[in-house]
Structure formats: structure tokens, C-alpha cells
Amino acid sequence: MEQKTKLETFIGFAMRTGKYKIGVNAVATMKRAHLMLVCRTASENTVKDAEKLAKRFGCSLYISVNRNLEEYTHRENSKVMAIADKGLAQTIVDNAENDFIVRR
């Protein structure tokens, strides 16, 4: 069994506590987000939509580098994810050094 990284663990915490949304349309329904994660395989239109949402929420937008977002979420076709919990968002950012790059 492969060991999970800290980043996978913290994304899993956000999912288990329900402090997230996956998908551009789902994220657009949120009142507040503290972090946006985008898959490296997302289309330019999806990335632009995510950038608009990140600007609306006033949060950072990170794009995956080494792995697809669905490998972190274990949800097929995950291209955009928003984290609603401030503490978890900060912890994910603190542990995202080699896995994500800041886009905004």
C-alpha cells in the first residue's frame, strides 16, 4: 500500500469535513472559499473560470504540477476544487511546495 503524502491527507480532511466543492459550477455556488486548486489537465477556459472565481473570493489559485487533481480527491474528472476552511486551506498551501504552483 502506498503511503499518502501530507498534502493528500489534508485534502482528504477537507473532503471528510465537507469544507470543499469540486467543479466550476459547484464552486460558483459557494459563499466563501479560501483556496482554489486546479488540475494541470484543465482546459484554458476552465482555468479562466477558476481565476475569475478566485478573484471573486479573494483567494489564491494553485495549479497542480506533478499529478492530476483527481489523484488527490479520488474523484473522476476533478478539474477545480475550492477549500472553504481557512485553516485547512493554509495547511494545504504550506504543504504544496512541489505539487502545486501559484497561478494567482
PDB file of N, CA and C in Angstrom:
ATOM      1  N   MET A   1       0.841  -1.177   0.000  1.00  0.00           N
ATOM      2  CA  MET A   1       0.000   0.000   0.000  1.00  0.00           C
ATOM      3  C   MET A   1       0.891   1.247   0.000  1.00  0.00           C
ATOM      4  N   GLU A   2       0.581   2.146  -0.889  1.00  0.00           N
ATOM      5  CA  GLU A   2       1.355   3.378  -0.996  1.00  0.00           C
ATOM      6  C   GLU A   2       0.956   4.349   0.113  1.00  0.00           C
ATOM      7  N   GLN A   3       1.944   4.979   0.712  1.00  0.00           N
ATOM      8  CA  GLN A   3       1.684   5.924   1.789  1.00  0.00           C
ATOM      9  C   GLN A   3       1.212   7.260   1.225  1.00  0.00           C
ATOM     10  N   LYS A   4       0.214   7.855   1.868  1.00  0.00           N
ATOM     11  CA  LYS A   4      -0.294   9.150   1.444  1.00  0.00           C
ATOM     12  C   LYS A   4       0.679  10.254   1.831  1.00  0.00           C
ATOM     13  N   THR A   5       0.725  11.287   0.997  1.00  0.00           N
ATOM     14  CA  THR A   5       1.515  12.458   1.344  1.00  0.00           C
ATOM     15  C   THR A   5       0.712  13.324   2.299  1.00  0.00           C
ATOM     16  N   LYS A   6       1.386  14.270   2.942  1.00  0.00           N
ATOM     17  CA  LYS A   6       0.677  15.195   3.833  1.00  0.00           C
ATOM     18  C   LYS A   6      -0.385  15.967   3.066  1.00  0.00           C
ATOM     19  N   LEU A   7      -0.052  16.355   1.843  1.00  0.00           N
ATOM     20  CA  LEU A   7      -0.995  17.106   1.024  1.00  0.00           C
ATOM     21  C   LEU A   7      -2.262  16.300   0.766  1.00  0.00           C
ATOM     22  N   GLU A   8      -2.115  15.044   0.405  1.00  0.00           N
ATOM     23  CA  GLU A   8      -3.283  14.178   0.199  1.00  0.00           C
ATOM     24  C   GLU A   8      -4.108  14.054   1.475  1.00  0.00           C
ATOM     25  N   THR A   9      -3.416  13.943   2.599  1.00  0.00           N
ATOM     26  CA  THR A   9      -4.104  13.819   3.878  1.00  0.00           C
ATOM     27  C   THR A   9      -4.937  15.053   4.187  1.00  0.00           C
ATOM     28  N   PHE A  10      -4.362  16.241   3.982  1.00  0.00           N
ATOM     29  CA  PHE A  10      -5.095  17.466   4.300  1.00  0.00           C
ATOM     30  C   PHE A  10      -6.237  17.725   3.326  1.00  0.00           C
ATOM     31  N   ILE A  11      -6.062  17.376   2.058  1.00  0.00           N
ATOM     32  CA  ILE A  11      -7.174  17.483   1.105  1.00  0.00           C
ATOM     33  C   ILE A  11      -8.272  16.506   1.522  1.00  0.00           C
ATOM     34  N   GLY A  12      -7.871  15.326   1.976  1.00  0.00           N
ATOM     35  CA  GLY A  12      -8.836  14.347   2.481  1.00  0.00           C
ATOM     36  C   GLY A  12      -9.592  14.854   3.696  1.00  0.00           C
ATOM     37  N   PHE A  13      -8.915  15.562   4.598  1.00  0.00           N
ATOM     38  CA  PHE A  13      -9.584  16.156   5.762  1.00  0.00           C
ATOM     39  C   PHE A  13     -10.659  17.140   5.307  1.00  0.00           C
ATOM     40  N   ALA A  14     -10.317  17.981   4.342  1.00  0.00           N
ATOM     41  CA  ALA A  14     -11.280  18.964   3.830  1.00  0.00           C
ATOM     42  C   ALA A  14     -12.503  18.247   3.254  1.00  0.00           C
ATOM     43  N   MET A  15     -12.261  17.154   2.553  1.00  0.00           N
ATOM     44  CA  MET A  15     -13.368  16.414   1.951  1.00  0.00           C
ATOM     45  C   MET A  15     -14.216  15.713   3.009  1.00  0.00           C
ATOM     46  N   ARG A  16     -13.571  15.124   4.007  1.00  0.00           N
ATOM     47  CA  ARG A  16     -14.326  14.426   5.054  1.00  0.00           C
ATOM     48  C   ARG A  16     -15.171  15.383   5.896  1.00  0.00           C
ATOM     49  N   THR A  17     -14.693  16.613   6.055  1.00  0.00           N
ATOM     50  CA  THR A  17     -15.451  17.572   6.854  1.00  0.00           C
ATOM     51  C   THR A  17     -16.466  18.341   6.023  1.00  0.00           C
ATOM     52  N   GLY A  18     -16.472  18.116   4.711  1.00  0.00           N
ATOM     53  CA  GLY A  18     -17.440  18.787   3.845  1.00  0.00           C
ATOM     54  C   GLY A  18     -17.094  20.241   3.560  1.00  0.00           C
ATOM     55  N   LYS A  19     -15.852  20.614   3.766  1.00  0.00           N
ATOM     56  CA  LYS A  19     -15.422  22.008   3.591  1.00  0.00           C
ATOM     57  C   LYS A  19     -14.821  22.223   2.204  1.00  0.00           C
ATOM     58  N   TYR A  20     -15.484  21.726   1.175  1.00  0.00           N
ATOM     59  CA  TYR A  20     -14.950  21.816  -0.184  1.00  0.00           C
ATOM     60  C   TYR A  20     -16.082  21.732  -1.200  1.00  0.00           C
ATOM     61  N   LYS A  21     -15.772  22.093  -2.427  1.00  0.00           N
ATOM     62  CA  LYS A  21     -16.646  21.857  -3.575  1.00  0.00           C
ATOM     63  C   LYS A  21     -15.737  21.495  -4.738  1.00  0.00           C
ATOM     64  N   ILE A  22     -16.213  20.622  -5.602  1.00  0.00           N
ATOM     65  CA  ILE A  22     -15.459  20.230  -6.792  1.00  0.00           C
ATOM     66  C   ILE A  22     -16.287  20.573  -8.018  1.00  0.00           C
ATOM     67  N   GLY A  23     -15.644  21.224  -8.975  1.00  0.00           N
ATOM     68  CA  GLY A  23     -16.306  21.617 -10.215  1.00  0.00           C
ATOM     69  C   GLY A  23     -16.577  23.111 -10.233  1.00  0.00           C
ATOM     70  N   VAL A  24     -16.438  23.722 -11.396  1.00  0.00           N
ATOM     71  CA  VAL A  24     -16.602  25.168 -11.525  1.00  0.00           C
ATOM     72  C   VAL A  24     -17.999  25.598 -11.092  1.00  0.00           C
ATOM     73  N   ASN A  25     -19.025  24.881 -11.538  1.00  0.00           N
ATOM     74  CA  ASN A  25     -20.399  25.271 -11.195  1.00  0.00           C
ATOM     75  C   ASN A  25     -20.677  25.128  -9.704  1.00  0.00           C
ATOM     76  N   ALA A  26     -20.164  24.088  -9.093  1.00  0.00           N
ATOM     77  CA  ALA A  26     -20.361  23.899  -7.649  1.00  0.00           C
ATOM     78  C   ALA A  26     -19.623  24.975  -6.867  1.00  0.00           C
ATOM     79  N   VAL A  27     -18.407  25.291  -7.287  1.00  0.00           N
ATOM     80  CA  VAL A  27     -17.623  26.318  -6.601  1.00  0.00           C
ATOM     81  C   VAL A  27     -18.307  27.669  -6.715  1.00  0.00           C
ATOM     82  N   ALA A  28     -18.927  27.939  -7.855  1.00  0.00           N
ATOM     83  CA  ALA A  28     -19.603  29.219  -8.071  1.00  0.00           C
ATOM     84  C   ALA A  28     -20.763  29.430  -7.100  1.00  0.00           C
ATOM     85  N   THR A  29     -21.302  28.355  -6.528  1.00  0.00           N
ATOM     86  CA  THR A  29     -22.412  28.477  -5.586  1.00  0.00           C
ATOM     87  C   THR A  29     -21.957  28.768  -4.158  1.00  0.00           C
ATOM     88  N   MET A  30     -20.648  28.701  -3.922  1.00  0.00           N
ATOM     89  CA  MET A  30     -20.124  28.906  -2.570  1.00  0.00           C
ATOM     90  C   MET A  30     -20.196  30.387  -2.181  1.00  0.00           C
ATOM     91  N   LYS A  31     -20.337  30.616  -0.890  1.00  0.00           N
ATOM     92  CA  LYS A  31     -20.317  31.989  -0.375  1.00  0.00           C
ATOM     93  C   LYS A  31     -18.898  32.456  -0.121  1.00  0.00           C
ATOM     94  N   ARG A  32     -18.015  31.527   0.236  1.00  0.00           N
ATOM     95  CA  ARG A  32     -16.630  31.883   0.549  1.00  0.00           C
ATOM     96  C   ARG A  32     -15.728  30.692   0.263  1.00  0.00           C
ATOM     97  N   ALA A  33     -14.556  30.999  -0.272  1.00  0.00           N
ATOM     98  CA  ALA A  33     -13.520  29.990  -0.470  1.00  0.00           C
ATOM     99  C   ALA A  33     -12.186  30.618  -0.083  1.00  0.00           C
ATOM    100  N   HIS A  34     -11.320  29.828   0.492  1.00  0.00           N
ATOM    101  CA  HIS A  34     -10.012  30.330   0.924  1.00  0.00           C
ATOM    102  C   HIS A  34      -8.874  29.833   0.040  1.00  0.00           C
ATOM    103  N   LEU A  35      -9.166  28.847  -0.814  1.00  0.00           N
ATOM    104  CA  LEU A  35      -8.138  28.300  -1.695  1.00  0.00           C
ATOM    105  C   LEU A  35      -8.808  27.612  -2.872  1.00  0.00           C
ATOM    106  N   MET A  36      -8.236  27.824  -4.058  1.00  0.00           N
ATOM    107  CA  MET A  36      -8.708  27.141  -5.264  1.00  0.00           C
ATOM    108  C   MET A  36      -7.568  26.272  -5.787  1.00  0.00           C
ATOM    109  N   LEU A  37      -7.879  25.011  -6.078  1.00  0.00           N
ATOM    110  CA  LEU A  37      -6.919  24.089  -6.670  1.00  0.00           C
ATOM    111  C   LEU A  37      -7.422  23.719  -8.059  1.00  0.00           C
ATOM    112  N   VAL A  38      -6.529  23.757  -9.050  1.00  0.00           N
ATOM    113  CA  VAL A  38      -6.889  23.454 -10.428  1.00  0.00           C
ATOM    114  C   VAL A  38      -5.968  22.363 -10.948  1.00  0.00           C
ATOM    115  N   CYS A  39      -6.530  21.435 -11.693  1.00  0.00           N
ATOM    116  CA  CYS A  39      -5.764  20.332 -12.269  1.00  0.00           C
ATOM    117  C   CYS A  39      -4.908  20.828 -13.428  1.00  0.00           C
ATOM    118  N   ARG A  40      -3.757  20.232 -13.563  1.00  0.00           N
ATOM    119  CA  ARG A  40      -2.847  20.595 -14.658  1.00  0.00           C
ATOM    120  C   ARG A  40      -3.440  20.257 -16.018  1.00  0.00           C
ATOM    121  N   THR A  41      -4.429  19.373 -16.077  1.00  0.00           N
ATOM    122  CA  THR A  41      -5.048  18.982 -17.343  1.00  0.00           C
ATOM    123  C   THR A  41      -6.297  19.794 -17.664  1.00  0.00           C
ATOM    124  N   ALA A  42      -6.618  20.779 -16.835  1.00  0.00           N
ATOM    125  CA  ALA A  42      -7.813  21.599 -17.070  1.00  0.00           C
ATOM    126  C   ALA A  42      -7.635  22.441 -18.328  1.00  0.00           C
ATOM    127  N   SER A  43      -8.732  22.655 -19.043  1.00  0.00           N
ATOM    128  CA  SER A  43      -8.682  23.473 -20.254  1.00  0.00           C
ATOM    129  C   SER A  43      -8.443  24.938 -19.894  1.00  0.00           C
ATOM    130  N   GLU A  44      -8.017  25.719 -20.865  1.00  0.00           N
ATOM    131  CA  GLU A  44      -7.773  27.149 -20.629  1.00  0.00           C
ATOM    132  C   GLU A  44      -9.045  27.845 -20.166  1.00  0.00           C
ATOM    133  N   ASN A  45     -10.197  27.465 -20.729  1.00  0.00           N
ATOM    134  CA  ASN A  45     -11.466  28.068 -20.306  1.00  0.00           C
ATOM    135  C   ASN A  45     -11.765  27.754 -18.844  1.00  0.00           C
ATOM    136  N   THR A  46     -11.487  26.538 -18.421  1.00  0.00           N
ATOM    137  CA  THR A  46     -11.700  26.154 -17.029  1.00  0.00           C
ATOM    138  C   THR A  46     -10.773  26.945 -16.120  1.00  0.00           C
ATOM    139  N   VAL A  47      -9.525  27.094 -16.539  1.00  0.00           N
ATOM    140  CA  VAL A  47      -8.563  27.864 -15.745  1.00  0.00           C
ATOM    141  C   VAL A  47      -9.018  29.321 -15.643  1.00  0.00           C
ATOM    142  N   LYS A  48      -9.511  29.890 -16.727  1.00  0.00           N
ATOM    143  CA  LYS A  48     -10.006  31.276 -16.703  1.00  0.00           C
ATOM    144  C   LYS A  48     -11.202  31.406 -15.764  1.00  0.00           C
ATOM    145  N   ASP A  49     -12.108  30.433 -15.816  1.00  0.00           N
ATOM    146  CA  ASP A  49     -13.260  30.449 -14.903  1.00  0.00           C
ATOM    147  C   ASP A  49     -12.799  30.362 -13.452  1.00  0.00           C
ATOM    148  N   ALA A  50     -11.815  29.508 -13.186  1.00  0.00           N
ATOM    149  CA  ALA A  50     -11.283  29.358 -11.828  1.00  0.00           C
ATOM    150  C   ALA A  50     -10.604  30.647 -11.379  1.00  0.00           C
ATOM    151  N   GLU A  51      -9.895  31.315 -12.278  1.00  0.00           N
ATOM    152  CA  GLU A  51      -9.253  32.585 -11.936  1.00  0.00           C
ATOM    153  C   GLU A  51     -10.293  33.642 -11.576  1.00  0.00           C
ATOM    154  N   LYS A  52     -11.393  33.692 -12.311  1.00  0.00           N
ATOM    155  CA  LYS A  52     -12.471  34.637 -12.001  1.00  0.00           C
ATOM    156  C   LYS A  52     -13.060  34.357 -10.626  1.00  0.00           C
ATOM    157  N   LEU A  53     -13.265  33.079 -10.329  1.00  0.00           N
ATOM    158  CA  LEU A  53     -13.815  32.711  -9.024  1.00  0.00           C
ATOM    159  C   LEU A  53     -12.831  33.033  -7.904  1.00  0.00           C
ATOM    160  N   ALA A  54     -11.555  32.773  -8.125  1.00  0.00           N
ATOM    161  CA  ALA A  54     -10.542  33.080  -7.114  1.00  0.00           C
ATOM    162  C   ALA A  54     -10.502  34.581  -6.854  1.00  0.00           C
ATOM    163  N   LYS A  55     -10.644  35.362  -7.895  1.00  0.00           N
ATOM    164  CA  LYS A  55     -10.664  36.818  -7.739  1.00  0.00           C
ATOM    165  C   LYS A  55     -11.905  37.244  -6.951  1.00  0.00           C
ATOM    166  N   ARG A  56     -13.047  36.629  -7.265  1.00  0.00           N
ATOM    167  CA  ARG A  56     -14.291  36.945  -6.549  1.00  0.00           C
ATOM    168  C   ARG A  56     -14.176  36.623  -5.055  1.00  0.00           C
ATOM    169  N   PHE A  57     -13.548  35.483  -4.740  1.00  0.00           N
ATOM    170  CA  PHE A  57     -13.395  35.076  -3.349  1.00  0.00           C
ATOM    171  C   PHE A  57     -12.201  35.738  -2.669  1.00  0.00           C
ATOM    172  N   GLY A  58     -11.302  36.311  -3.452  1.00  0.00           N
ATOM    173  CA  GLY A  58     -10.089  36.908  -2.887  1.00  0.00           C
ATOM    174  C   GLY A  58      -9.144  35.863  -2.331  1.00  0.00           C
ATOM    175  N   CYS A  59      -9.051  34.729  -3.020  1.00  0.00           N
ATOM    176  CA  CYS A  59      -8.197  33.640  -2.531  1.00  0.00           C
ATOM    177  C   CYS A  59      -7.127  33.285  -3.562  1.00  0.00           C
ATOM    178  N   SER A  60      -6.177  32.494  -3.136  1.00  0.00           N
ATOM    179  CA  SER A  60      -5.102  32.037  -4.016  1.00  0.00           C
ATOM    180  C   SER A  60      -5.599  30.919  -4.917  1.00  0.00           C
ATOM    181  N   LEU A  61      -4.964  30.819  -6.092  1.00  0.00           N
ATOM    182  CA  LEU A  61      -5.270  29.757  -7.030  1.00  0.00           C
ATOM    183  C   LEU A  61      -3.985  28.995  -7.314  1.00  0.00           C
ATOM    184  N   TYR A  62      -4.017  27.706  -7.082  1.00  0.00           N
ATOM    185  CA  TYR A  62      -2.850  26.848  -7.287  1.00  0.00           C
ATOM    186  C   TYR A  62      -3.166  25.833  -8.385  1.00  0.00           C
ATOM    187  N   ILE A  63      -2.183  25.588  -9.240  1.00  0.00           N
ATOM    188  CA  ILE A  63      -2.338  24.599 -10.309  1.00  0.00           C
ATOM    189  C   ILE A  63      -1.391  23.430 -10.029  1.00  0.00           C
ATOM    190  N   SER A  64      -1.918  22.212 -10.175  1.00  0.00           N
ATOM    191  CA  SER A  64      -1.104  21.023  -9.920  1.00  0.00           C
ATOM    192  C   SER A  64       0.016  20.910 -10.945  1.00  0.00           C
ATOM    193  N   VAL A  65       1.124  20.323 -10.521  1.00  0.00           N
ATOM    194  CA  VAL A  65       2.296  20.208 -11.387  1.00  0.00           C
ATOM    195  C   VAL A  65       2.590  18.747 -11.712  1.00  0.00           C
ATOM    196  N   ASN A  66       2.714  17.917 -10.715  1.00  0.00           N
ATOM    197  CA  ASN A  66       3.173  16.543 -10.903  1.00  0.00           C
ATOM    198  C   ASN A  66       2.054  15.526 -11.084  1.00  0.00           C
ATOM    199  N   ARG A  67       0.903  15.784 -10.489  1.00  0.00           N
ATOM    200  CA  ARG A  67      -0.196  14.822 -10.505  1.00  0.00           C
ATOM    201  C   ARG A  67      -1.492  15.529 -10.846  1.00  0.00           C
ATOM    202  N   ASN A  68      -2.451  14.760 -11.325  1.00  0.00           N
ATOM    203  CA  ASN A  68      -3.774  15.316 -11.607  1.00  0.00           C
ATOM    204  C   ASN A  68      -4.536  15.507 -10.303  1.00  0.00           C
ATOM    205  N   LEU A  69      -5.436  16.465 -10.294  1.00  0.00           N
ATOM    206  CA  LEU A  69      -6.224  16.746  -9.093  1.00  0.00           C
ATOM    207  C   LEU A  69      -7.041  15.532  -8.673  1.00  0.00           C
ATOM    208  N   GLU A  70      -7.503  14.750  -9.630  1.00  0.00           N
ATOM    209  CA  GLU A  70      -8.312  13.577  -9.278  1.00  0.00           C
ATOM    210  C   GLU A  70      -7.521  12.540  -8.478  1.00  0.00           C
ATOM    211  N   GLU A  71      -6.202  12.573  -8.566  1.00  0.00           N
ATOM    212  CA  GLU A  71      -5.391  11.670  -7.749  1.00  0.00           C
ATOM    213  C   GLU A  71      -5.404  12.095  -6.283  1.00  0.00           C
ATOM    214  N   TYR A  72      -5.607  13.371  -6.029  1.00  0.00           N
ATOM    215  CA  TYR A  72      -5.696  13.871  -4.654  1.00  0.00           C
ATOM    216  C   TYR A  72      -7.110  13.691  -4.102  1.00  0.00           C
ATOM    217  N   THR A  73      -8.113  13.897  -4.950  1.00  0.00           N
ATOM    218  CA  THR A  73      -9.503  13.865  -4.488  1.00  0.00           C
ATOM    219  C   THR A  73     -10.140  12.485  -4.616  1.00  0.00           C
ATOM    220  N   HIS A  74      -9.556  11.626  -5.454  1.00  0.00           N
ATOM    221  CA  HIS A  74     -10.118  10.311  -5.755  1.00  0.00           C
ATOM    222  C   HIS A  74     -11.517  10.439  -6.351  1.00  0.00           C
ATOM    223  N   ARG A  75     -11.729  11.521  -7.098  1.00  0.00           N
ATOM    224  CA  ARG A  75     -12.974  11.770  -7.824  1.00  0.00           C
ATOM    225  C   ARG A  75     -12.634  11.920  -9.298  1.00  0.00           C
ATOM    226  N   GLU A  76     -13.284  11.152 -10.135  1.00  0.00           N
ATOM    227  CA  GLU A  76     -13.002  11.176 -11.560  1.00  0.00           C
ATOM    228  C   GLU A  76     -13.310  12.550 -12.160  1.00  0.00           C
ATOM    229  N   ASN A  77     -12.460  13.002 -13.056  1.00  0.00           N
ATOM    230  CA  ASN A  77     -12.608  14.270 -13.782  1.00  0.00           C
ATOM    231  C   ASN A  77     -12.645  15.497 -12.882  1.00  0.00           C
ATOM    232  N   SER A  78     -11.966  15.470 -11.758  1.00  0.00           N
ATOM    233  CA  SER A  78     -11.860  16.652 -10.895  1.00  0.00           C
ATOM    234  C   SER A  78     -10.897  17.635 -11.543  1.00  0.00           C
ATOM    235  N   LYS A  79     -11.392  18.802 -11.897  1.00  0.00           N
ATOM    236  CA  LYS A  79     -10.541  19.812 -12.527  1.00  0.00           C
ATOM    237  C   LYS A  79     -10.373  21.047 -11.654  1.00  0.00           C
ATOM    238  N   VAL A  80     -11.378  21.368 -10.857  1.00  0.00           N
ATOM    239  CA  VAL A  80     -11.339  22.546  -9.983  1.00  0.00           C
ATOM    240  C   VAL A  80     -11.873  22.147  -8.615  1.00  0.00           C
ATOM    241  N   MET A  81     -11.174  22.595  -7.580  1.00  0.00           N
ATOM    242  CA  MET A  81     -11.606  22.325  -6.206  1.00  0.00           C
ATOM    243  C   MET A  81     -11.420  23.583  -5.384  1.00  0.00           C
ATOM    244  N   ALA A  82     -12.396  23.893  -4.545  1.00  0.00           N
ATOM    245  CA  ALA A  82     -12.296  25.031  -3.639  1.00  0.00           C
ATOM    246  C   ALA A  82     -12.361  24.518  -2.206  1.00  0.00           C
ATOM    247  N   ILE A  83     -11.536  25.101  -1.350  1.00  0.00           N
ATOM    248  CA  ILE A  83     -11.496  24.753   0.068  1.00  0.00           C
ATOM    249  C   ILE A  83     -12.127  25.908   0.842  1.00  0.00           C
ATOM    250  N   ALA A  84     -13.115  25.595   1.675  1.00  0.00           N
ATOM    251  CA  ALA A  84     -13.850  26.624   2.400  1.00  0.00           C
ATOM    252  C   ALA A  84     -13.310  26.888   3.802  1.00  0.00           C
ATOM    253  N   ASP A  85     -12.505  25.999   4.336  1.00  0.00           N
ATOM    254  CA  ASP A  85     -11.978  26.155   5.685  1.00  0.00           C
ATOM    255  C   ASP A  85     -10.630  26.876   5.635  1.00  0.00           C
ATOM    256  N   LYS A  86     -10.516  27.981   6.345  1.00  0.00           N
ATOM    257  CA  LYS A  86      -9.303  28.800   6.304  1.00  0.00           C
ATOM    258  C   LYS A  86      -8.078  28.050   6.816  1.00  0.00           C
ATOM    259  N   GLY A  87      -8.215  27.345   7.916  1.00  0.00           N
ATOM    260  CA  GLY A  87      -7.093  26.616   8.495  1.00  0.00           C
ATOM    261  C   GLY A  87      -6.597  25.499   7.585  1.00  0.00           C
ATOM    262  N   LEU A  88      -7.526  24.731   7.028  1.00  0.00           N
ATOM    263  CA  LEU A  88      -7.139  23.666   6.112  1.00  0.00           C
ATOM    264  C   LEU A  88      -6.516  24.237   4.838  1.00  0.00           C
ATOM    265  N   ALA A  89      -7.058  25.345   4.350  1.00  0.00           N
ATOM    266  CA  ALA A  89      -6.500  25.982   3.158  1.00  0.00           C
ATOM    267  C   ALA A  89      -5.052  26.386   3.400  1.00  0.00           C
ATOM    268  N   GLN A  90      -4.777  26.977   4.542  1.00  0.00           N
ATOM    269  CA  GLN A  90      -3.416  27.398   4.862  1.00  0.00           C
ATOM    270  C   GLN A  90      -2.481  26.201   5.012  1.00  0.00           C
ATOM    271  N   THR A  91      -2.964  25.151   5.624  1.00  0.00           N
ATOM    272  CA  THR A  91      -2.162  23.944   5.792  1.00  0.00           C
ATOM    273  C   THR A  91      -1.853  23.305   4.439  1.00  0.00           C
ATOM    274  N   ILE A  92      -2.825  23.297   3.539  1.00  0.00           N
ATOM    275  CA  ILE A  92      -2.598  22.755   2.196  1.00  0.00           C
ATOM    276  C   ILE A  92      -1.551  23.591   1.474  1.00  0.00           C
ATOM    277  N   VAL A  93      -1.658  24.914   1.561  1.00  0.00           N
ATOM    278  CA  VAL A  93      -0.674  25.801   0.930  1.00  0.00           C
ATOM    279  C   VAL A  93       0.720  25.545   1.505  1.00  0.00           C
ATOM    280  N   ASP A  94       0.802  25.379   2.815  1.00  0.00           N
ATOM    281  CA  ASP A  94       2.087  25.145   3.473  1.00  0.00           C
ATOM    282  C   ASP A  94       2.752  23.841   3.019  1.00  0.00           C
ATOM    283  N   ASN A  95       1.944  22.873   2.591  1.00  0.00           N
ATOM    284  CA  ASN A  95       2.470  21.567   2.186  1.00  0.00           C
ATOM    285  C   ASN A  95       2.459  21.346   0.680  1.00  0.00           C
ATOM    286  N   ALA A  96       2.175  22.376  -0.098  1.00  0.00           N
ATOM    287  CA  ALA A  96       2.030  22.230  -1.548  1.00  0.00           C
ATOM    288  C   ALA A  96       3.296  22.548  -2.321  1.00  0.00           C
ATOM    289  N   GLU A  97       4.433  22.650  -1.651  1.00  0.00           N
ATOM    290  CA  GLU A  97       5.664  23.168  -2.248  1.00  0.00           C
ATOM    291  C   GLU A  97       6.023  22.605  -3.620  1.00  0.00           C
ATOM    292  N   ASN A  98       6.066  21.307  -3.806  1.00  0.00           N
ATOM    293  CA  ASN A  98       6.494  20.735  -5.078  1.00  0.00           C
ATOM    294  C   ASN A  98       5.334  20.215  -5.923  1.00  0.00           C
ATOM    295  N   ASP A  99       4.141  20.214  -5.379  1.00  0.00           N
ATOM    296  CA  ASP A  99       2.999  19.620  -6.073  1.00  0.00           C
ATOM    297  C   ASP A  99       2.126  20.640  -6.804  1.00  0.00           C
ATOM    298  N   PHE A 100       2.147  21.880  -6.354  1.00  0.00           N
ATOM    299  CA  PHE A 100       1.317  22.916  -6.957  1.00  0.00           C
ATOM    300  C   PHE A 100       2.141  24.191  -7.153  1.00  0.00           C
ATOM    301  N   ILE A 101       1.760  24.981  -8.163  1.00  0.00           N
ATOM    302  CA  ILE A 101       2.368  26.302  -8.357  1.00  0.00           C
ATOM    303  C   ILE A 101       1.273  27.347  -8.241  1.00  0.00           C
ATOM    304  N   VAL A 102       1.658  28.512  -7.786  1.00  0.00           N
ATOM    305  CA  VAL A 102       0.695  29.597  -7.610  1.00  0.00           C
ATOM    306  C   VAL A 102       0.420  30.224  -8.970  1.00  0.00           C
ATOM    307  N   ARG A 103      -0.832  30.341  -9.311  1.00  0.00           N
ATOM    308  CA  ARG A 103      -1.216  30.996 -10.561  1.00  0.00           C
ATOM    309  C   ARG A 103      -1.686  32.405 -10.281  1.00  0.00           C
ATOM    310  N   ARG A 104      -2.332  32.601  -9.140  1.00  0.00           N
ATOM    311  CA  ARG A 104      -2.850  33.920  -8.767  1.00  0.00           C
ATOM    312  C   ARG A 104      -2.746  34.090  -7.281  1.00  0.00           C
TER     313      ARG A 104
END
